[in-house]
Amino acid sequence: MFTLTWESTALDQLADAYVAATPDDRERMAAGVESLNARLRADPLAVGESRVGGFRVEFVSRLAILFHVSEKDRTVRVVRLRRSPR
C-alpha cells in the first residue's frame, strides 16, 4: 500500500471542477475520484501514463489528474487537476 495525499492546490481545483459540473457529472466525478484514490493507494504505477521525473497522468470522468509516485517512500501526491471541456 502507498500513502496518498492531495496537495491543497489540487483539492481546490477539484472543488472548482465539482462546483462547475452538472449534478450528473458530479456523481460521475465523485465515483471516479473515489475509485482513483483506491487504485493509487494499491498500485499507483499501474495507473495512468508515465511522465518525466516520477510523474504520471490519469484521465477520469473528464478530469486530467497529475500525480507523483515515490517508490522509495511509498507515497503518491496528487499535484494538479484539470477538467476537460465537453
N, C-alpha and C. Protein backbone atom coordinates (compact mmCIF):
# COMPACT_ATOMS: atom_id res chain seq x y z
N MET A 1 0.84 -1.20 0.00
CA MET A 1 0.00 0.00 0.00
C MET A 1 0.88 1.26 0.00
N PHE A 2 0.38 2.28 -0.66
CA PHE A 2 1.05 3.57 -0.72
C PHE A 2 0.22 4.58 0.07
N THR A 3 0.90 5.56 0.65
CA THR A 3 0.23 6.67 1.31
C THR A 3 -0.13 7.70 0.24
N LEU A 4 -1.39 8.11 0.23
CA LEU A 4 -1.89 9.05 -0.78
C LEU A 4 -2.21 10.39 -0.13
N THR A 5 -1.71 11.47 -0.74
CA THR A 5 -2.07 12.82 -0.30
C THR A 5 -2.44 13.65 -1.53
N TRP A 6 -3.33 14.60 -1.31
CA TRP A 6 -3.70 15.57 -2.33
C TRP A 6 -3.15 16.92 -1.88
N GLU A 7 -2.38 17.58 -2.75
CA GLU A 7 -1.92 18.93 -2.43
C GLU A 7 -3.12 19.86 -2.41
N SER A 8 -3.02 20.92 -1.62
CA SER A 8 -4.15 21.84 -1.47
C SER A 8 -4.57 22.46 -2.81
N THR A 9 -3.61 22.72 -3.68
CA THR A 9 -3.94 23.27 -5.00
C THR A 9 -4.81 22.30 -5.78
N ALA A 10 -4.47 21.01 -5.75
CA ALA A 10 -5.26 20.01 -6.46
C ALA A 10 -6.65 19.88 -5.86
N LEU A 11 -6.75 19.96 -4.54
CA LEU A 11 -8.07 19.91 -3.89
C LEU A 11 -8.92 21.11 -4.29
N ASP A 12 -8.29 22.29 -4.35
CA ASP A 12 -9.02 23.49 -4.79
C ASP A 12 -9.50 23.33 -6.24
N GLN A 13 -8.65 22.78 -7.09
CA GLN A 13 -9.02 22.57 -8.48
C GLN A 13 -10.16 21.55 -8.60
N LEU A 14 -10.13 20.52 -7.76
CA LEU A 14 -11.22 19.54 -7.74
C LEU A 14 -12.52 20.20 -7.29
N ALA A 15 -12.45 21.02 -6.26
CA ALA A 15 -13.65 21.72 -5.78
C ALA A 15 -14.22 22.63 -6.86
N ASP A 16 -13.36 23.36 -7.56
CA ASP A 16 -13.81 24.24 -8.64
C ASP A 16 -14.49 23.43 -9.75
N ALA A 17 -13.90 22.30 -10.12
CA ALA A 17 -14.49 21.46 -11.17
C ALA A 17 -15.83 20.90 -10.72
N TYR A 18 -15.92 20.52 -9.46
CA TYR A 18 -17.15 19.94 -8.92
C TYR A 18 -18.27 20.97 -8.93
N VAL A 19 -17.97 22.19 -8.49
CA VAL A 19 -18.98 23.25 -8.45
C VAL A 19 -19.47 23.60 -9.85
N ALA A 20 -18.58 23.56 -10.83
CA ALA A 20 -18.95 23.92 -12.20
C ALA A 20 -19.69 22.79 -12.94
N ALA A 21 -19.69 21.60 -12.38
CA ALA A 21 -20.27 20.43 -13.06
C ALA A 21 -21.78 20.36 -12.86
N THR A 22 -22.43 19.63 -13.76
CA THR A 22 -23.86 19.35 -13.60
C THR A 22 -24.02 18.29 -12.51
N PRO A 23 -25.23 18.15 -11.97
CA PRO A 23 -25.44 17.11 -10.94
C PRO A 23 -25.03 15.71 -11.41
N ASP A 24 -25.35 15.35 -12.64
CA ASP A 24 -24.94 14.03 -13.15
C ASP A 24 -23.42 13.91 -13.24
N ASP A 25 -22.78 14.98 -13.73
CA ASP A 25 -21.32 14.96 -13.82
C ASP A 25 -20.69 14.90 -12.43
N ARG A 26 -21.31 15.53 -11.46
CA ARG A 26 -20.79 15.48 -10.09
C ARG A 26 -20.78 14.06 -9.55
N GLU A 27 -21.85 13.32 -9.81
CA GLU A 27 -21.90 11.93 -9.36
C GLU A 27 -20.80 11.10 -10.02
N ARG A 28 -20.64 11.26 -11.33
CA ARG A 28 -19.59 10.52 -12.04
C ARG A 28 -18.21 10.93 -11.55
N MET A 29 -18.04 12.22 -11.32
CA MET A 29 -16.76 12.74 -10.85
C MET A 29 -16.41 12.16 -9.47
N ALA A 30 -17.38 12.18 -8.56
CA ALA A 30 -17.14 11.67 -7.21
C ALA A 30 -16.80 10.18 -7.25
N ALA A 31 -17.54 9.42 -8.03
CA ALA A 31 -17.26 7.98 -8.14
C ALA A 31 -15.89 7.73 -8.78
N GLY A 32 -15.56 8.51 -9.79
CA GLY A 32 -14.27 8.36 -10.47
C GLY A 32 -13.10 8.67 -9.56
N VAL A 33 -13.22 9.74 -8.78
CA VAL A 33 -12.14 10.13 -7.87
C VAL A 33 -12.00 9.11 -6.74
N GLU A 34 -13.12 8.62 -6.25
CA GLU A 34 -13.08 7.59 -5.19
C GLU A 34 -12.37 6.33 -5.70
N SER A 35 -12.70 5.90 -6.90
CA SER A 35 -12.05 4.74 -7.50
C SER A 35 -10.57 5.00 -7.73
N LEU A 36 -10.25 6.19 -8.24
CA LEU A 36 -8.86 6.55 -8.48
C LEU A 36 -8.06 6.52 -7.18
N ASN A 37 -8.60 7.08 -6.11
CA ASN A 37 -7.89 7.07 -4.84
C ASN A 37 -7.54 5.65 -4.41
N ALA A 38 -8.48 4.73 -4.55
CA ALA A 38 -8.23 3.34 -4.17
C ALA A 38 -7.13 2.72 -5.04
N ARG A 39 -7.18 3.00 -6.34
CA ARG A 39 -6.16 2.45 -7.24
C ARG A 39 -4.78 3.05 -6.97
N LEU A 40 -4.73 4.34 -6.63
CA LEU A 40 -3.45 4.97 -6.34
C LEU A 40 -2.84 4.41 -5.06
N ARG A 41 -3.66 4.12 -4.07
CA ARG A 41 -3.14 3.53 -2.83
C ARG A 41 -2.62 2.11 -3.07
N ALA A 42 -3.29 1.37 -3.93
CA ALA A 42 -2.95 -0.04 -4.14
C ALA A 42 -1.74 -0.23 -5.06
N ASP A 43 -1.74 0.42 -6.22
CA ASP A 43 -0.69 0.18 -7.21
C ASP A 43 -0.58 1.37 -8.16
N PRO A 44 -0.01 2.48 -7.70
CA PRO A 44 -0.01 3.71 -8.50
C PRO A 44 0.75 3.61 -9.82
N LEU A 45 1.72 2.72 -9.90
CA LEU A 45 2.49 2.61 -11.14
C LEU A 45 1.71 1.91 -12.24
N ALA A 46 0.58 1.32 -11.89
CA ALA A 46 -0.29 0.70 -12.88
C ALA A 46 -1.39 1.65 -13.34
N VAL A 47 -1.39 2.86 -12.80
CA VAL A 47 -2.43 3.85 -13.09
C VAL A 47 -1.89 4.91 -14.04
N GLY A 48 -2.62 5.18 -15.09
CA GLY A 48 -2.31 6.30 -15.97
C GLY A 48 -1.09 6.09 -16.86
N GLU A 49 -0.59 7.22 -17.34
CA GLU A 49 0.54 7.26 -18.27
C GLU A 49 1.73 7.91 -17.59
N SER A 50 2.92 7.37 -17.83
CA SER A 50 4.12 7.92 -17.19
C SER A 50 4.53 9.24 -17.82
N ARG A 51 5.13 10.07 -17.00
CA ARG A 51 5.71 11.34 -17.41
C ARG A 51 7.11 11.42 -16.80
N VAL A 52 7.85 12.44 -17.12
CA VAL A 52 9.22 12.62 -16.63
C VAL A 52 9.23 12.86 -15.12
N GLY A 53 10.25 12.34 -14.44
CA GLY A 53 10.50 12.66 -13.04
C GLY A 53 9.58 12.00 -12.04
N GLY A 54 9.04 10.85 -12.36
CA GLY A 54 8.17 10.15 -11.42
C GLY A 54 6.72 10.60 -11.46
N PHE A 55 6.40 11.49 -12.38
CA PHE A 55 5.01 11.95 -12.51
C PHE A 55 4.24 11.02 -13.44
N ARG A 56 2.93 11.00 -13.22
CA ARG A 56 2.02 10.22 -14.06
C ARG A 56 0.74 11.04 -14.24
N VAL A 57 -0.01 10.74 -15.28
CA VAL A 57 -1.28 11.42 -15.52
C VAL A 57 -2.35 10.37 -15.79
N GLU A 58 -3.53 10.60 -15.22
CA GLU A 58 -4.67 9.71 -15.43
C GLU A 58 -5.87 10.56 -15.79
N PHE A 59 -6.74 10.01 -16.62
CA PHE A 59 -7.95 10.70 -17.06
C PHE A 59 -9.15 9.94 -16.51
N VAL A 60 -9.93 10.64 -15.69
CA VAL A 60 -11.08 10.03 -15.01
C VAL A 60 -12.25 11.00 -15.07
N SER A 61 -13.38 10.54 -15.59
CA SER A 61 -14.61 11.35 -15.58
C SER A 61 -14.38 12.79 -16.03
N ARG A 62 -13.73 12.93 -17.18
CA ARG A 62 -13.42 14.24 -17.76
C ARG A 62 -12.45 15.06 -16.94
N LEU A 63 -11.70 14.41 -16.04
CA LEU A 63 -10.68 15.08 -15.26
C LEU A 63 -9.31 14.55 -15.67
N ALA A 64 -8.36 15.46 -15.83
CA ALA A 64 -6.96 15.08 -16.04
C ALA A 64 -6.26 15.30 -14.71
N ILE A 65 -5.68 14.24 -14.16
CA ILE A 65 -5.12 14.29 -12.82
C ILE A 65 -3.63 13.95 -12.90
N LEU A 66 -2.79 14.89 -12.46
CA LEU A 66 -1.35 14.71 -12.44
C LEU A 66 -0.92 14.32 -11.03
N PHE A 67 -0.14 13.25 -10.93
CA PHE A 67 0.31 12.81 -9.61
C PHE A 67 1.77 12.36 -9.68
N HIS A 68 2.41 12.36 -8.52
CA HIS A 68 3.81 11.96 -8.41
C HIS A 68 3.90 10.72 -7.53
N VAL A 69 4.67 9.74 -7.99
CA VAL A 69 4.86 8.50 -7.23
C VAL A 69 6.30 8.41 -6.77
N SER A 70 6.49 8.18 -5.47
CA SER A 70 7.81 7.89 -4.92
C SER A 70 7.80 6.43 -4.45
N GLU A 71 8.44 5.57 -5.24
CA GLU A 71 8.50 4.16 -4.85
C GLU A 71 9.30 3.99 -3.56
N LYS A 72 10.37 4.76 -3.43
CA LYS A 72 11.23 4.66 -2.25
C LYS A 72 10.45 4.94 -0.97
N ASP A 73 9.67 6.03 -0.98
CA ASP A 73 8.91 6.43 0.21
C ASP A 73 7.52 5.80 0.26
N ARG A 74 7.13 5.13 -0.83
CA ARG A 74 5.80 4.52 -0.95
C ARG A 74 4.70 5.57 -0.74
N THR A 75 4.88 6.70 -1.45
CA THR A 75 3.91 7.79 -1.37
C THR A 75 3.43 8.18 -2.77
N VAL A 76 2.22 8.71 -2.79
CA VAL A 76 1.63 9.27 -4.00
C VAL A 76 1.09 10.64 -3.64
N ARG A 77 1.44 11.65 -4.44
CA ARG A 77 0.94 13.01 -4.24
C ARG A 77 0.19 13.46 -5.48
N VAL A 78 -1.08 13.79 -5.32
CA VAL A 78 -1.83 14.38 -6.42
C VAL A 78 -1.49 15.87 -6.41
N VAL A 79 -0.95 16.36 -7.53
CA VAL A 79 -0.44 17.73 -7.55
C VAL A 79 -1.27 18.70 -8.39
N ARG A 80 -2.01 18.18 -9.37
CA ARG A 80 -2.78 19.08 -10.23
C ARG A 80 -3.96 18.34 -10.84
N LEU A 81 -5.01 19.09 -11.09
CA LEU A 81 -6.22 18.53 -11.69
C LEU A 81 -6.79 19.55 -12.65
N ARG A 82 -7.25 19.07 -13.79
CA ARG A 82 -7.88 19.96 -14.76
C ARG A 82 -9.11 19.26 -15.32
N ARG A 83 -10.17 20.00 -15.48
CA ARG A 83 -11.40 19.45 -16.07
C ARG A 83 -11.37 19.67 -17.57
N SER A 84 -11.63 18.62 -18.30
CA SER A 84 -11.68 18.71 -19.76
C SER A 84 -12.99 19.35 -20.19
N PRO A 85 -12.94 20.21 -21.21
CA PRO A 85 -14.20 20.77 -21.72
C PRO A 85 -14.99 19.69 -22.44
N ARG A 86 -16.26 19.91 -22.56
CA ARG A 86 -17.14 18.94 -23.27
C ARG A 86 -16.78 18.87 -24.71
